[in-house]
Amino acid sequence: MFRAKIVMAIAGSVAAFVLVGMPTATAVSQQDSAVRTIYYDSSRSAELAPLVDEAAQIWNSGVTSVRLEKGTAGITVITSQSGSAPGTASCVGCTRGTINFYRNQIKQSGAGTLRVIVHEFGHILGLRHPQDIGNCDKVMAGGRCENSRPNTQELAAVQRFWGGSRVAPEGGHVDERGIFDVPALVYS
């Protein structure tokens, strides 16, 4: 009987010692809900500056794990006359880099200017082009479209990429290969 009490006391002490070092559910959820901020400087984007701010707000209204904030350092947004495409982003899933917009190519592309800007911010936020280029329901698919709103799968992918909610979008599971790599979105 005495021996059993000693064993129980030791076991209780060991359990208490082990549990003290373990993170609590609150600590884990706070870590999961940390918001990453990506600063962008639109001072060199000329007449597109208001649309750059609007594009940032479109993404901010759809995701909670990352925010695009106007400020210095981070992403520099530049507008030029001509280039290789309507817009280019120097990196995918980054906090520092450059987005270039080209007036002539935006005009020739037939795409809405705001859509082009939202699309390039999508690259900064971790998205690549899907296979179904020209699908107007996806801002990352390019095309001669006006839709400037990311769809639920694009928003969910950004949310997961930056460490936010692990909840799948409506309609089921999203295969990340379709968003972060060249293949199209695959839903199951």
N, C-alpha and C. Protein backbone atom coordinates (compact mmCIF):
# COMPACT_ATOMS: atom_id res chain seq x y z
N MET A 1 0.83 -1.18 0.00
CA MET A 1 0.00 0.00 0.00
C MET A 1 0.88 1.25 0.00
N PHE A 2 1.89 1.30 0.91
CA PHE A 2 2.79 2.43 0.99
C PHE A 2 3.57 2.58 -0.32
N ARG A 3 4.00 1.43 -0.86
CA ARG A 3 4.76 1.41 -2.11
C ARG A 3 3.90 1.97 -3.25
N ALA A 4 2.63 1.62 -3.31
CA ALA A 4 1.72 2.10 -4.35
C ALA A 4 1.55 3.61 -4.27
N LYS A 5 1.50 4.16 -3.04
CA LYS A 5 1.37 5.61 -2.88
C LYS A 5 2.62 6.33 -3.38
N ILE A 6 3.78 5.75 -3.13
CA ILE A 6 5.03 6.37 -3.59
C ILE A 6 5.08 6.37 -5.11
N VAL A 7 4.72 5.24 -5.71
CA VAL A 7 4.72 5.14 -7.18
C VAL A 7 3.74 6.15 -7.77
N MET A 8 2.57 6.28 -7.17
CA MET A 8 1.57 7.24 -7.66
C MET A 8 2.08 8.67 -7.52
N ALA A 9 2.74 8.98 -6.43
CA ALA A 9 3.28 10.32 -6.21
C ALA A 9 4.36 10.65 -7.24
N ILE A 10 5.23 9.68 -7.50
CA ILE A 10 6.29 9.90 -8.49
C ILE A 10 5.68 10.07 -9.88
N ALA A 11 4.72 9.22 -10.21
CA ALA A 11 4.07 9.31 -11.52
C ALA A 11 3.38 10.66 -11.69
N GLY A 12 2.72 11.13 -10.64
CA GLY A 12 2.06 12.43 -10.69
C GLY A 12 3.05 13.56 -10.88
N SER A 13 4.18 13.49 -10.20
CA SER A 13 5.21 14.53 -10.32
C SER A 13 5.79 14.55 -11.73
N VAL A 14 6.06 13.36 -12.27
CA VAL A 14 6.60 13.29 -13.63
C VAL A 14 5.59 13.85 -14.63
N ALA A 15 4.32 13.49 -14.49
CA ALA A 15 3.28 13.98 -15.39
C ALA A 15 3.17 15.50 -15.31
N ALA A 16 3.21 16.05 -14.11
CA ALA A 16 3.13 17.50 -13.93
C ALA A 16 4.34 18.18 -14.58
N PHE A 17 5.52 17.61 -14.41
CA PHE A 17 6.74 18.17 -14.98
C PHE A 17 6.67 18.18 -16.50
N VAL A 18 6.20 17.09 -17.09
CA VAL A 18 6.08 16.98 -18.54
C VAL A 18 5.05 17.96 -19.06
N LEU A 19 3.89 18.07 -18.41
CA LEU A 19 2.82 18.93 -18.89
C LEU A 19 3.16 20.41 -18.81
N VAL A 20 4.01 20.81 -17.86
CA VAL A 20 4.38 22.22 -17.73
C VAL A 20 5.08 22.71 -18.99
N GLY A 21 5.88 21.86 -19.61
CA GLY A 21 6.62 22.26 -20.80
C GLY A 21 5.83 22.16 -22.09
N MET A 22 4.63 21.64 -22.06
CA MET A 22 3.85 21.47 -23.28
C MET A 22 3.05 22.74 -23.59
N PRO A 23 2.97 23.11 -24.88
CA PRO A 23 2.16 24.28 -25.23
C PRO A 23 0.68 24.01 -25.00
N THR A 24 -0.02 25.05 -24.63
CA THR A 24 -1.46 24.90 -24.42
C THR A 24 -2.19 25.11 -25.74
N ALA A 25 -3.44 24.76 -25.77
CA ALA A 25 -4.25 24.95 -26.98
C ALA A 25 -4.33 26.42 -27.34
N THR A 26 -4.36 27.29 -26.34
CA THR A 26 -4.42 28.73 -26.59
C THR A 26 -3.15 29.20 -27.28
N ALA A 27 -2.00 28.74 -26.82
CA ALA A 27 -0.74 29.15 -27.43
C ALA A 27 -0.66 28.67 -28.87
N VAL A 28 -1.10 27.47 -29.13
CA VAL A 28 -1.06 26.95 -30.48
C VAL A 28 -2.00 27.74 -31.39
N SER A 29 -3.21 28.02 -30.93
CA SER A 29 -4.15 28.75 -31.78
C SER A 29 -3.68 30.18 -32.02
N GLN A 30 -3.01 30.79 -31.05
CA GLN A 30 -2.47 32.13 -31.26
C GLN A 30 -1.37 32.10 -32.31
N GLN A 31 -0.55 31.06 -32.27
CA GLN A 31 0.52 30.93 -33.24
C GLN A 31 -0.07 30.73 -34.64
N ASP A 32 -1.10 29.88 -34.76
CA ASP A 32 -1.73 29.63 -36.04
C ASP A 32 -2.41 30.88 -36.59
N SER A 33 -2.87 31.77 -35.71
CA SER A 33 -3.62 32.93 -36.17
C SER A 33 -2.74 34.16 -36.38
N ALA A 34 -1.42 34.02 -36.27
CA ALA A 34 -0.53 35.15 -36.49
C ALA A 34 -0.68 35.64 -37.93
N VAL A 35 -0.81 36.94 -38.09
CA VAL A 35 -0.99 37.53 -39.41
C VAL A 35 0.36 38.02 -39.92
N ARG A 36 0.70 37.64 -41.13
CA ARG A 36 1.94 38.09 -41.76
C ARG A 36 1.61 39.36 -42.54
N THR A 37 2.44 40.39 -42.44
CA THR A 37 2.22 41.64 -43.17
C THR A 37 3.25 41.77 -44.27
N ILE A 38 2.79 42.04 -45.47
CA ILE A 38 3.66 42.31 -46.60
C ILE A 38 3.45 43.78 -46.98
N TYR A 39 4.51 44.56 -46.92
CA TYR A 39 4.42 45.98 -47.25
C TYR A 39 4.67 46.18 -48.74
N TYR A 40 3.90 47.10 -49.32
CA TYR A 40 4.10 47.44 -50.73
C TYR A 40 4.22 48.95 -50.86
N ASP A 41 5.06 49.38 -51.79
CA ASP A 41 5.27 50.80 -52.06
C ASP A 41 4.75 51.08 -53.46
N SER A 42 3.67 51.84 -53.55
CA SER A 42 3.07 52.15 -54.85
C SER A 42 3.44 53.54 -55.36
N SER A 43 4.44 54.18 -54.74
CA SER A 43 4.79 55.55 -55.11
C SER A 43 5.33 55.65 -56.54
N ARG A 44 5.77 54.55 -57.12
CA ARG A 44 6.29 54.56 -58.49
C ARG A 44 5.31 53.92 -59.48
N SER A 45 4.05 53.77 -59.05
CA SER A 45 3.07 53.13 -59.94
C SER A 45 2.20 54.14 -60.68
N ALA A 46 2.55 55.42 -60.57
CA ALA A 46 1.90 56.50 -61.33
C ALA A 46 0.38 56.45 -61.23
N GLU A 47 -0.30 56.50 -62.38
CA GLU A 47 -1.77 56.56 -62.40
C GLU A 47 -2.43 55.28 -61.90
N LEU A 48 -1.66 54.21 -61.74
CA LEU A 48 -2.23 52.95 -61.25
C LEU A 48 -2.26 52.87 -59.72
N ALA A 49 -1.68 53.85 -59.03
CA ALA A 49 -1.60 53.79 -57.56
C ALA A 49 -2.94 53.54 -56.88
N PRO A 50 -4.03 54.22 -57.26
CA PRO A 50 -5.31 53.93 -56.60
C PRO A 50 -5.78 52.49 -56.84
N LEU A 51 -5.51 51.95 -58.03
CA LEU A 51 -5.90 50.57 -58.32
C LEU A 51 -5.02 49.57 -57.58
N VAL A 52 -3.76 49.93 -57.36
CA VAL A 52 -2.87 49.07 -56.56
C VAL A 52 -3.42 48.96 -55.14
N ASP A 53 -3.83 50.09 -54.57
CA ASP A 53 -4.42 50.07 -53.23
C ASP A 53 -5.72 49.27 -53.21
N GLU A 54 -6.54 49.41 -54.26
CA GLU A 54 -7.79 48.66 -54.33
C GLU A 54 -7.52 47.15 -54.43
N ALA A 55 -6.52 46.78 -55.21
CA ALA A 55 -6.17 45.35 -55.35
C ALA A 55 -5.72 44.78 -54.01
N ALA A 56 -4.93 45.56 -53.26
CA ALA A 56 -4.50 45.10 -51.93
C ALA A 56 -5.71 44.88 -51.03
N GLN A 57 -6.67 45.78 -51.10
CA GLN A 57 -7.88 45.64 -50.27
C GLN A 57 -8.72 44.43 -50.68
N ILE A 58 -8.74 44.13 -51.96
CA ILE A 58 -9.48 42.94 -52.42
C ILE A 58 -8.89 41.70 -51.77
N TRP A 59 -7.57 41.56 -51.80
CA TRP A 59 -6.94 40.40 -51.15
C TRP A 59 -7.14 40.44 -49.65
N ASN A 60 -6.99 41.61 -49.04
CA ASN A 60 -7.15 41.72 -47.58
C ASN A 60 -8.56 41.35 -47.12
N SER A 61 -9.55 41.61 -47.96
CA SER A 61 -10.92 41.30 -47.56
C SER A 61 -11.23 39.80 -47.67
N GLY A 62 -10.37 39.05 -48.34
CA GLY A 62 -10.63 37.64 -48.54
C GLY A 62 -9.79 36.68 -47.72
N VAL A 63 -8.70 37.18 -47.13
CA VAL A 63 -7.82 36.31 -46.34
C VAL A 63 -7.48 36.98 -45.01
N THR A 64 -7.17 36.16 -44.02
CA THR A 64 -6.83 36.69 -42.70
C THR A 64 -5.43 36.31 -42.24
N SER A 65 -4.74 35.45 -42.95
CA SER A 65 -3.41 35.01 -42.52
C SER A 65 -2.30 35.92 -43.01
N VAL A 66 -2.61 36.80 -43.95
CA VAL A 66 -1.62 37.73 -44.49
C VAL A 66 -2.34 39.02 -44.86
N ARG A 67 -1.62 40.15 -44.73
CA ARG A 67 -2.18 41.45 -45.08
C ARG A 67 -1.20 42.18 -45.97
N LEU A 68 -1.74 42.86 -46.96
CA LEU A 68 -0.95 43.75 -47.80
C LEU A 68 -1.16 45.16 -47.25
N GLU A 69 -0.07 45.80 -46.85
CA GLU A 69 -0.14 47.14 -46.26
C GLU A 69 0.75 48.09 -47.03
N LYS A 70 0.25 49.29 -47.26
CA LYS A 70 1.04 50.32 -47.91
C LYS A 70 2.17 50.74 -46.98
N GLY A 71 3.37 50.79 -47.50
CA GLY A 71 4.53 51.18 -46.69
C GLY A 71 5.80 51.04 -47.50
N THR A 72 6.92 51.31 -46.87
CA THR A 72 8.20 51.20 -47.56
C THR A 72 8.79 49.82 -47.33
N ALA A 73 9.76 49.50 -48.14
CA ALA A 73 10.41 48.18 -48.13
C ALA A 73 9.40 47.14 -48.59
N GLY A 74 9.81 45.95 -48.74
CA GLY A 74 8.89 44.91 -49.17
C GLY A 74 8.76 44.86 -50.68
N ILE A 75 7.55 45.06 -51.18
CA ILE A 75 7.25 44.95 -52.61
C ILE A 75 7.18 46.35 -53.22
N THR A 76 7.99 46.59 -54.24
CA THR A 76 7.97 47.86 -54.97
C THR A 76 7.12 47.68 -56.22
N VAL A 77 6.16 48.57 -56.42
CA VAL A 77 5.26 48.50 -57.57
C VAL A 77 5.62 49.63 -58.53
N ILE A 78 5.92 49.24 -59.78
CA ILE A 78 6.39 50.19 -60.78
C ILE A 78 5.52 50.11 -62.03
N THR A 79 5.21 51.27 -62.61
CA THR A 79 4.49 51.32 -63.89
C THR A 79 5.43 51.86 -64.95
N SER A 80 5.50 51.16 -66.09
CA SER A 80 6.31 51.57 -67.23
C SER A 80 5.44 51.55 -68.48
N GLN A 81 5.99 52.06 -69.58
CA GLN A 81 5.22 52.12 -70.81
C GLN A 81 5.08 50.76 -71.48
N SER A 82 6.19 50.06 -71.67
CA SER A 82 6.17 48.79 -72.40
C SER A 82 6.98 47.73 -71.70
N GLY A 83 6.57 46.49 -71.91
CA GLY A 83 7.29 45.36 -71.33
C GLY A 83 6.86 44.07 -71.99
N SER A 84 7.19 42.97 -71.35
CA SER A 84 6.95 41.65 -71.94
C SER A 84 5.54 41.13 -71.73
N ALA A 85 4.80 41.67 -70.78
CA ALA A 85 3.46 41.19 -70.43
C ALA A 85 2.72 42.36 -69.78
N PRO A 86 1.41 42.23 -69.53
CA PRO A 86 0.71 43.32 -68.84
C PRO A 86 1.32 43.63 -67.47
N GLY A 87 1.81 42.60 -66.80
CA GLY A 87 2.45 42.78 -65.50
C GLY A 87 3.36 41.61 -65.21
N THR A 88 4.35 41.86 -64.36
CA THR A 88 5.24 40.78 -63.93
C THR A 88 5.52 40.94 -62.45
N ALA A 89 5.64 39.81 -61.77
CA ALA A 89 6.04 39.80 -60.36
C ALA A 89 7.39 39.10 -60.30
N SER A 90 8.31 39.64 -59.52
CA SER A 90 9.66 39.09 -59.47
C SER A 90 9.77 37.82 -58.65
N CYS A 91 8.72 37.45 -57.93
CA CYS A 91 8.80 36.29 -57.06
C CYS A 91 7.40 35.75 -56.77
N VAL A 92 7.35 34.54 -56.26
CA VAL A 92 6.08 33.91 -55.88
C VAL A 92 6.18 33.56 -54.40
N GLY A 93 5.21 34.04 -53.61
CA GLY A 93 5.20 33.75 -52.19
C GLY A 93 6.32 34.44 -51.44
N CYS A 94 6.46 35.74 -51.65
CA CYS A 94 7.59 36.46 -51.08
C CYS A 94 7.13 37.72 -50.33
N THR A 95 8.03 38.30 -49.57
CA THR A 95 7.73 39.54 -48.87
C THR A 95 8.58 40.70 -49.39
N ARG A 96 9.52 40.40 -50.28
CA ARG A 96 10.35 41.43 -50.90
C ARG A 96 10.48 41.13 -52.38
N GLY A 97 10.32 42.16 -53.20
CA GLY A 97 10.42 41.97 -54.63
C GLY A 97 9.83 43.15 -55.37
N THR A 98 9.53 42.94 -56.64
CA THR A 98 9.03 44.01 -57.50
C THR A 98 7.86 43.50 -58.34
N ILE A 99 6.87 44.35 -58.49
CA ILE A 99 5.80 44.12 -59.46
C ILE A 99 5.92 45.23 -60.49
N ASN A 100 5.97 44.85 -61.76
CA ASN A 100 6.02 45.82 -62.86
C ASN A 100 4.72 45.74 -63.64
N PHE A 101 4.16 46.91 -63.97
CA PHE A 101 2.99 46.98 -64.83
C PHE A 101 3.37 47.77 -66.07
N TYR A 102 2.87 47.31 -67.23
CA TYR A 102 3.22 47.90 -68.51
C TYR A 102 1.96 48.39 -69.21
N ARG A 103 1.84 49.71 -69.35
CA ARG A 103 0.63 50.34 -69.89
C ARG A 103 0.23 49.75 -71.25
N ASN A 104 1.17 49.70 -72.19
CA ASN A 104 0.83 49.22 -73.54
C ASN A 104 0.31 47.79 -73.52
N GLN A 105 0.96 46.93 -72.75
CA GLN A 105 0.55 45.52 -72.71
C GLN A 105 -0.78 45.34 -71.99
N ILE A 106 -1.05 46.14 -70.98
CA ILE A 106 -2.36 46.06 -70.31
C ILE A 106 -3.45 46.41 -71.32
N LYS A 107 -3.22 47.48 -72.08
CA LYS A 107 -4.21 47.92 -73.07
C LYS A 107 -4.40 46.86 -74.15
N GLN A 108 -3.31 46.29 -74.65
CA GLN A 108 -3.38 45.29 -75.72
C GLN A 108 -3.94 43.95 -75.25
N SER A 109 -3.81 43.64 -73.97
CA SER A 109 -4.22 42.32 -73.46
C SER A 109 -5.74 42.14 -73.46
N GLY A 110 -6.47 43.24 -73.36
CA GLY A 110 -7.92 43.14 -73.27
C GLY A 110 -8.42 42.79 -71.87
N ALA A 111 -7.52 42.64 -70.94
CA ALA A 111 -7.90 42.34 -69.55
C ALA A 111 -8.16 43.64 -68.80
N GLY A 112 -9.01 43.57 -67.80
CA GLY A 112 -9.25 44.72 -66.96
C GLY A 112 -7.99 45.07 -66.17
N THR A 113 -7.70 46.35 -66.06
CA THR A 113 -6.49 46.78 -65.36
C THR A 113 -6.47 46.31 -63.92
N LEU A 114 -7.60 46.43 -63.22
CA LEU A 114 -7.65 45.97 -61.83
C LEU A 114 -7.39 44.47 -61.75
N ARG A 115 -7.92 43.71 -62.70
CA ARG A 115 -7.68 42.26 -62.72
C ARG A 115 -6.18 41.96 -62.84
N VAL A 116 -5.49 42.68 -63.71
CA VAL A 116 -4.05 42.48 -63.89
C VAL A 116 -3.32 42.74 -62.58
N ILE A 117 -3.69 43.80 -61.88
CA ILE A 117 -3.01 44.15 -60.63
C ILE A 117 -3.30 43.12 -59.55
N VAL A 118 -4.56 42.69 -59.41
CA VAL A 118 -4.91 41.65 -58.44
C VAL A 118 -4.15 40.37 -58.77
N HIS A 119 -4.04 40.04 -60.05
CA HIS A 119 -3.32 38.85 -60.51
C HIS A 119 -1.85 38.88 -60.06
N GLU A 120 -1.18 40.00 -60.27
CA GLU A 120 0.24 40.09 -59.89
C GLU A 120 0.42 40.02 -58.38
N PHE A 121 -0.48 40.63 -57.62
CA PHE A 121 -0.42 40.46 -56.16
C PHE A 121 -0.64 39.00 -55.78
N GLY A 122 -1.43 38.28 -56.57
CA GLY A 122 -1.63 36.85 -56.32
C GLY A 122 -0.32 36.08 -56.35
N HIS A 123 0.58 36.45 -57.27
CA HIS A 123 1.90 35.80 -57.30
C HIS A 123 2.67 36.10 -56.01
N ILE A 124 2.66 37.34 -55.59
CA ILE A 124 3.34 37.72 -54.35
C ILE A 124 2.79 36.89 -53.19
N LEU A 125 1.50 36.63 -53.21
CA LEU A 125 0.84 35.89 -52.13
C LEU A 125 1.00 34.38 -52.25
N GLY A 126 1.70 33.90 -53.29
CA GLY A 126 2.02 32.48 -53.38
C GLY A 126 1.33 31.70 -54.48
N LEU A 127 0.59 32.36 -55.35
CA LEU A 127 -0.15 31.65 -56.39
C LEU A 127 0.57 31.69 -57.73
N ARG A 128 0.43 30.60 -58.48
CA ARG A 128 0.97 30.51 -59.84
C ARG A 128 -0.19 30.44 -60.83
N HIS A 129 0.13 30.34 -62.10
CA HIS A 129 -0.91 30.21 -63.13
C HIS A 129 -1.45 28.79 -63.16
N PRO A 130 -2.77 28.64 -63.25
CA PRO A 130 -3.34 27.30 -63.45
C PRO A 130 -3.24 26.93 -64.93
N GLN A 131 -3.57 25.70 -65.26
CA GLN A 131 -3.50 25.27 -66.66
C GLN A 131 -4.59 25.90 -67.52
N ASP A 132 -5.72 26.19 -66.92
CA ASP A 132 -6.84 26.70 -67.73
C ASP A 132 -6.75 28.22 -67.90
N ILE A 133 -5.70 28.65 -68.60
CA ILE A 133 -5.48 30.06 -68.87
C ILE A 133 -6.70 30.62 -69.61
N GLY A 134 -7.13 31.79 -69.17
CA GLY A 134 -8.28 32.43 -69.79
C GLY A 134 -9.60 32.17 -69.07
N ASN A 135 -9.58 31.34 -68.03
CA ASN A 135 -10.78 31.07 -67.24
C ASN A 135 -11.07 32.32 -66.41
N CYS A 136 -12.10 33.05 -66.76
CA CYS A 136 -12.39 34.33 -66.11
C CYS A 136 -12.81 34.20 -64.65
N ASP A 137 -13.12 32.99 -64.20
CA ASP A 137 -13.48 32.77 -62.79
C ASP A 137 -12.25 32.76 -61.89
N LYS A 138 -11.06 32.66 -62.46
CA LYS A 138 -9.82 32.61 -61.69
C LYS A 138 -8.96 33.81 -62.06
N VAL A 139 -8.64 34.66 -61.09
CA VAL A 139 -7.80 35.81 -61.42
C VAL A 139 -6.40 35.37 -61.83
N MET A 140 -5.96 34.21 -61.39
CA MET A 140 -4.63 33.74 -61.73
C MET A 140 -4.57 33.13 -63.12
N ALA A 141 -5.69 32.99 -63.80
CA ALA A 141 -5.73 32.39 -65.14
C ALA A 141 -5.54 33.41 -66.25
N GLY A 142 -5.31 34.68 -65.90
CA GLY A 142 -5.12 35.69 -66.93
C GLY A 142 -6.35 35.83 -67.81
N GLY A 143 -6.14 36.09 -69.09
CA GLY A 143 -7.24 36.15 -70.04
C GLY A 143 -7.81 37.54 -70.23
N ARG A 144 -8.64 37.65 -71.24
CA ARG A 144 -9.32 38.92 -71.58
C ARG A 144 -10.57 39.06 -70.73
N CYS A 145 -10.38 39.29 -69.46
CA CYS A 145 -11.48 39.28 -68.50
C CYS A 145 -11.46 40.54 -67.66
N GLU A 146 -12.59 40.86 -67.07
CA GLU A 146 -12.71 41.99 -66.16
C GLU A 146 -12.74 41.56 -64.69
N ASN A 147 -13.12 40.30 -64.41
CA ASN A 147 -13.26 39.84 -63.03
C ASN A 147 -11.98 40.07 -62.24
N SER A 148 -12.07 40.83 -61.18
CA SER A 148 -10.89 41.12 -60.35
C SER A 148 -10.98 40.47 -58.97
N ARG A 149 -11.94 39.59 -58.78
CA ARG A 149 -12.14 38.95 -57.48
C ARG A 149 -11.59 37.53 -57.49
N PRO A 150 -10.64 37.23 -56.60
CA PRO A 150 -10.15 35.85 -56.50
C PRO A 150 -11.30 34.93 -56.10
N ASN A 151 -11.31 33.71 -56.64
CA ASN A 151 -12.37 32.78 -56.26
C ASN A 151 -12.05 32.13 -54.91
N THR A 152 -12.97 31.35 -54.40
CA THR A 152 -12.80 30.78 -53.05
C THR A 152 -11.59 29.85 -52.97
N GLN A 153 -11.29 29.15 -54.05
CA GLN A 153 -10.13 28.26 -54.02
C GLN A 153 -8.82 29.05 -53.98
N GLU A 154 -8.75 30.14 -54.71
CA GLU A 154 -7.55 30.98 -54.69
C GLU A 154 -7.37 31.60 -53.30
N LEU A 155 -8.45 32.10 -52.72
CA LEU A 155 -8.38 32.68 -51.38
C LEU A 155 -7.96 31.63 -50.35
N ALA A 156 -8.53 30.43 -50.44
CA ALA A 156 -8.20 29.36 -49.50
C ALA A 156 -6.74 28.96 -49.62
N ALA A 157 -6.21 28.94 -50.84
CA ALA A 157 -4.81 28.58 -51.04
C ALA A 157 -3.88 29.62 -50.42
N VAL A 158 -4.19 30.89 -50.59
CA VAL A 158 -3.38 31.95 -49.96
C VAL A 158 -3.46 31.83 -48.44
N GLN A 159 -4.65 31.58 -47.94
CA GLN A 159 -4.85 31.43 -46.50
C GLN A 159 -3.96 30.32 -45.95
N ARG A 160 -3.95 29.18 -46.63
CA ARG A 160 -3.12 28.05 -46.17
C ARG A 160 -1.64 28.34 -46.36
N PHE A 161 -1.27 28.96 -47.47
CA PHE A 161 0.13 29.25 -47.76
C PHE A 161 0.77 30.09 -46.66
N TRP A 162 0.05 31.08 -46.18
CA TRP A 162 0.59 31.97 -45.17
C TRP A 162 0.28 31.52 -43.74
N GLY A 163 -0.22 30.30 -43.60
CA GLY A 163 -0.36 29.72 -42.26
C GLY A 163 -1.67 29.96 -41.57
N GLY A 164 -2.68 30.31 -42.30
CA GLY A 164 -3.97 30.55 -41.68
C GLY A 164 -4.80 29.31 -41.58
N SER A 165 -6.08 29.48 -41.67
CA SER A 165 -7.06 28.42 -41.50
C SER A 165 -6.78 27.23 -42.40
N ARG A 166 -6.94 26.06 -41.84
CA ARG A 166 -6.74 24.83 -42.60
C ARG A 166 -8.05 24.30 -43.16
N VAL A 167 -9.08 25.11 -43.13
CA VAL A 167 -10.40 24.69 -43.59
C VAL A 167 -10.43 24.70 -45.11
N ALA A 168 -10.91 23.63 -45.71
CA ALA A 168 -11.03 23.54 -47.17
C ALA A 168 -12.17 24.45 -47.63
N PRO A 169 -12.08 24.99 -48.83
CA PRO A 169 -13.15 25.84 -49.35
C PRO A 169 -14.40 25.01 -49.61
N GLU A 170 -15.52 25.72 -49.83
CA GLU A 170 -16.77 25.02 -50.15
C GLU A 170 -16.53 24.13 -51.36
N GLY A 171 -17.14 22.97 -51.34
CA GLY A 171 -17.00 22.07 -52.48
C GLY A 171 -15.93 21.02 -52.28
N GLY A 172 -15.21 21.07 -51.17
CA GLY A 172 -14.27 19.98 -50.91
C GLY A 172 -12.83 20.41 -50.82
N HIS A 173 -11.98 19.45 -51.00
CA HIS A 173 -10.54 19.58 -50.84
C HIS A 173 -9.92 20.24 -52.07
N VAL A 174 -8.92 21.07 -51.86
CA VAL A 174 -8.18 21.65 -52.97
C VAL A 174 -6.82 20.98 -53.03
N ASP A 175 -6.44 20.52 -54.21
CA ASP A 175 -5.11 19.95 -54.43
C ASP A 175 -4.17 21.13 -54.66
N GLU A 176 -3.26 21.38 -53.72
CA GLU A 176 -2.38 22.54 -53.78
C GLU A 176 -1.53 22.57 -55.05
N ARG A 177 -1.29 21.42 -55.66
CA ARG A 177 -0.46 21.41 -56.86
C ARG A 177 -1.05 22.29 -57.94
N GLY A 178 -2.33 22.46 -57.94
CA GLY A 178 -2.98 23.26 -58.97
C GLY A 178 -2.85 24.75 -58.74
N ILE A 179 -2.44 25.14 -57.55
CA ILE A 179 -2.34 26.56 -57.26
C ILE A 179 -0.88 26.98 -57.15
N PHE A 180 -0.05 26.15 -56.53
CA PHE A 180 1.33 26.52 -56.31
C PHE A 180 2.26 26.02 -57.40
N ASP A 181 1.76 25.24 -58.33
CA ASP A 181 2.57 24.73 -59.41
C ASP A 181 1.79 24.91 -60.70
N VAL A 182 2.33 24.52 -61.80
CA VAL A 182 1.71 24.75 -63.09
C VAL A 182 0.37 24.04 -63.29
N PRO A 183 0.16 22.79 -62.83
CA PRO A 183 -1.12 22.12 -63.10
C PRO A 183 -2.31 22.91 -62.56
N ALA A 184 -3.48 22.64 -63.13
CA ALA A 184 -4.71 23.34 -62.74
C ALA A 184 -5.19 22.90 -61.37
N LEU A 185 -6.11 23.69 -60.81
CA LEU A 185 -6.75 23.32 -59.55
C LEU A 185 -7.46 21.99 -59.72
N VAL A 186 -7.28 21.11 -58.77
CA VAL A 186 -7.94 19.81 -58.81
C VAL A 186 -8.79 19.70 -57.57
N TYR A 187 -10.09 19.52 -57.73
CA TYR A 187 -11.01 19.43 -56.60
C TYR A 187 -11.46 18.00 -56.44
N SER A 188 -11.58 17.58 -55.19
CA SER A 188 -12.09 16.22 -54.95
C SER A 188 -13.22 16.27 -53.95
